[in-house]
Structure formats: structure tokens, C-alpha cells
Amino acid sequence: MNDAAAQREAASLAWQHAHPLYILAISTIISLLIVSVIVLLRWLFSRGAWPYHPQGSGGFLKDEFLRIFAVFGPFLVVGLIFKFYVYELHPELNTPSTWGIFGVSAIVLRAVARRLPIVRAVGKHLDVARQREREARQAAKQGASA
């Protein structure tokens, strides 16, 4: 690594150590924006299934949000705690191996969250609505070809 790159990296690390709460806020805002965009896109792409949901489009959006947030919400909270611990209390732990362990933990946490009864119930509402929409589309296609 040349001197300029080393200086930039050192300056970046110094800024991170001097302003850990900014790093927490920025990463949390970015994570929430990404999750919100995912929920919005999934909701919009499922427009045809809205009438088949028990509560219509609003209920579909609520269930989509609950399904995604139940999986990513605990990850965001644990991530905030972990980042605060690393950036504020123990900056020496800011290493690739520490983040690797955190990544594996996040994957396990997401897998467990998907198996929660409320997440499965919400997922069932969404899946049934999407299945009914597919069946209605297929019946319409068969009716048009007959």
C-alpha cells in the first residue's frame, strides 16, 4: 500500500474512532431505508394479490412489513448494540474476524426469526393471497383460450 492510501485509511479509522455514534446513525438509517424499499417493492409487485388478502391492500402492506421487519428488526437492534460495543467501547475489535462472527450470528438470528409463529401466520396470509391471484390469472387464461 502506498503512503497516500495508508494515510487515507488512517484518517478514515481516526474519524470512525472519533465519531462512533455517527457511524451507528448512518448505518442504521441506510439499513432502514433498504428494508423500507424492499417492503415497498414487494408490496407493489404483488398488486394483483391485494384483493385476495383479507384486509385488502393496506393489510397486505402491513403483513409484508411485519414479515420483513420481524426478520430484519432483531438484526438491526443486535447490530446497533454490536456496533456500539465495537466502535465506542472496544475499537480494537474492529477487525474482519469480529465482523465475520457477527455476520454468522446475524444469519442464525434471521433463520430463527423466520420460524416465529407470528411470522409464519403473516407469511401464510401473503402466500395464500398470492396463490389465489395466480389461480385467478390461470382461470382467466383458460377461460380466454376456451
Protein backbone atom coordinates (compact mmCIF):
# COMPACT_ATOMS: atom_id res chain seq x y z
CA MET A 1 0.00 0.00 0.00
CA ASN A 2 1.39 3.41 -0.88
CA ASP A 3 1.68 6.31 1.54
CA ALA A 4 -1.37 8.19 0.26
CA ALA A 5 -3.63 5.14 0.61
CA ALA A 6 -2.24 4.40 4.07
CA GLN A 7 -2.87 7.99 5.13
CA ARG A 8 -6.44 7.90 3.82
CA GLU A 9 -7.10 4.66 5.68
CA ALA A 10 -5.57 6.03 8.87
CA ALA A 11 -7.64 9.22 8.57
CA SER A 12 -10.81 7.16 7.98
CA LEU A 13 -10.13 4.99 11.03
CA ALA A 14 -9.35 8.05 13.13
CA TRP A 15 -12.65 9.64 12.09
CA GLN A 16 -14.53 6.42 12.90
CA HIS A 17 -12.95 6.26 16.35
CA ALA A 18 -13.64 9.95 16.98
CA HIS A 19 -17.30 9.78 15.84
CA PRO A 20 -18.69 6.29 16.57
CA LEU A 21 -22.27 7.45 17.03
CA TYR A 22 -22.29 8.97 13.53
CA ILE A 23 -21.25 5.61 12.14
CA LEU A 24 -24.11 3.98 14.08
CA ALA A 25 -26.64 6.52 12.87
CA ILE A 26 -25.54 6.36 9.23
CA SER A 27 -25.52 2.57 9.07
CA THR A 28 -28.90 2.33 10.83
CA ILE A 29 -30.53 4.87 8.52
CA ILE A 30 -29.14 3.08 5.47
CA SER A 31 -30.40 -0.28 6.80
CA LEU A 32 -33.88 1.10 7.49
CA LEU A 33 -34.03 2.67 4.03
CA ILE A 34 -33.04 -0.60 2.38
CA VAL A 35 -35.64 -2.58 4.35
CA SER A 36 -38.31 0.03 3.55
CA VAL A 37 -37.51 -0.12 -0.17
CA ILE A 38 -37.65 -3.93 -0.09
CA VAL A 39 -41.08 -3.86 1.60
CA LEU A 40 -42.39 -1.23 -0.82
CA LEU A 41 -41.18 -3.12 -3.89
CA ARG A 42 -42.57 -6.44 -2.67
CA TRP A 43 -45.89 -4.74 -1.97
CA LEU A 44 -46.06 -3.03 -5.35
CA PHE A 45 -45.04 -6.14 -7.29
CA SER A 46 -47.85 -8.04 -5.54
CA ARG A 47 -50.53 -5.58 -6.63
CA GLY A 48 -52.62 -8.34 -8.22
CA ALA A 49 -52.84 -10.21 -4.91
CA TRP A 50 -54.18 -7.27 -2.90
CA PRO A 51 -57.87 -8.09 -3.48
CA TYR A 52 -57.30 -11.63 -2.22
CA HIS A 53 -55.86 -10.54 1.12
CA PRO A 54 -58.43 -10.49 3.99
CA GLN A 55 -57.70 -6.79 4.69
CA GLY A 56 -57.03 -5.56 1.15
CA SER A 57 -54.00 -3.57 0.05
CA GLY A 58 -53.44 -1.95 3.45
CA GLY A 59 -53.48 -5.30 5.21
CA PHE A 60 -51.18 -6.73 2.57
CA LEU A 61 -48.71 -3.87 3.16
CA LYS A 62 -48.97 -4.30 6.95
CA ASP A 63 -48.34 -8.05 6.68
CA GLU A 64 -45.47 -7.54 4.25
CA PHE A 65 -43.90 -5.04 6.65
CA LEU A 66 -44.37 -7.37 9.63
CA ARG A 67 -42.92 -10.31 7.74
CA ILE A 68 -39.80 -8.46 6.64
CA PHE A 69 -39.33 -6.42 9.83
CA ALA A 70 -39.71 -9.48 12.07
CA VAL A 71 -36.73 -10.95 10.28
CA PHE A 72 -34.61 -7.79 9.95
CA GLY A 73 -35.73 -5.93 13.10
CA PRO A 74 -33.84 -8.07 15.60
CA PHE A 75 -30.83 -7.93 13.29
CA LEU A 76 -30.94 -4.12 13.32
CA VAL A 77 -31.20 -4.00 17.13
CA VAL A 78 -28.41 -6.51 17.68
CA GLY A 79 -26.38 -4.72 15.02
CA LEU A 80 -26.76 -1.40 16.83
CA ILE A 81 -25.68 -2.92 20.12
CA PHE A 82 -22.77 -4.72 18.50
CA LYS A 83 -21.59 -1.65 16.59
CA PHE A 84 -21.82 0.50 19.71
CA TYR A 85 -19.79 -2.10 21.60
CA VAL A 86 -17.13 -2.27 18.89
CA TYR A 87 -16.94 1.41 17.90
CA GLU A 88 -17.42 3.05 21.28
CA LEU A 89 -16.15 0.61 23.90
CA HIS A 90 -13.64 -1.68 22.15
CA PRO A 91 -12.31 -0.21 18.90
CA GLU A 92 -9.55 -2.83 18.87
CA LEU A 93 -12.23 -5.40 17.96
CA ASN A 94 -12.96 -3.65 14.65
CA THR A 95 -11.40 -6.49 12.63
CA PRO A 96 -12.63 -8.67 9.78
CA SER A 97 -12.81 -11.76 12.01
CA THR A 98 -15.06 -9.96 14.52
CA TRP A 99 -17.37 -8.83 11.73
CA GLY A 100 -17.35 -12.36 10.31
CA ILE A 101 -18.58 -13.74 13.61
CA PHE A 102 -21.25 -11.04 13.67
CA GLY A 103 -22.30 -11.99 10.12
CA VAL A 104 -22.72 -15.65 11.04
CA SER A 105 -24.72 -14.64 14.14
CA ALA A 106 -26.96 -12.42 12.01
CA ILE A 107 -27.70 -15.28 9.62
CA VAL A 108 -28.64 -17.56 12.53
CA LEU A 109 -30.79 -14.82 14.08
CA ARG A 110 -32.67 -14.33 10.80
CA ALA A 111 -33.24 -18.08 10.44
CA VAL A 112 -34.70 -18.27 13.96
CA ALA A 113 -36.88 -15.18 13.42
CA ARG A 114 -38.43 -16.71 10.29
CA ARG A 115 -39.69 -19.62 12.37
CA LEU A 116 -41.60 -17.48 14.89
CA PRO A 117 -45.34 -18.30 14.88
CA ILE A 118 -46.43 -14.73 14.10
CA VAL A 119 -44.06 -14.53 11.14
CA ARG A 120 -45.37 -17.81 9.79
CA ALA A 121 -49.01 -16.67 10.22
CA VAL A 122 -48.36 -13.40 8.41
CA GLY A 123 -46.47 -15.23 5.70
CA LYS A 124 -49.40 -17.58 5.25
CA HIS A 125 -51.77 -14.64 4.62
CA LEU A 126 -49.42 -13.29 1.98
CA ASP A 127 -48.77 -16.64 0.36
CA VAL A 128 -52.49 -17.52 0.21
CA ALA A 129 -53.30 -14.15 -1.40
CA ARG A 130 -50.54 -14.62 -3.98
CA GLN A 131 -51.70 -18.18 -4.69
CA ARG A 132 -55.31 -17.06 -5.18
CA GLU A 133 -54.13 -14.35 -7.55
CA ARG A 134 -52.17 -16.96 -9.58
CA GLU A 135 -55.20 -19.26 -9.68
CA ALA A 136 -57.46 -16.41 -10.82
CA ARG A 137 -54.97 -15.46 -13.54
CA GLN A 138 -54.74 -19.06 -14.68
CA ALA A 139 -58.54 -19.47 -14.69
CA ALA A 140 -58.89 -16.28 -16.72
CA LYS A 141 -56.27 -17.52 -19.17
CA GLN A 142 -58.06 -20.89 -19.52
CA GLY A 143 -61.42 -19.14 -19.94
CA ALA A 144 -59.99 -16.92 -22.68
CA SER A 145 -58.49 -19.87 -24.55
CA ALA A 146 -61.70 -21.95 -24.39
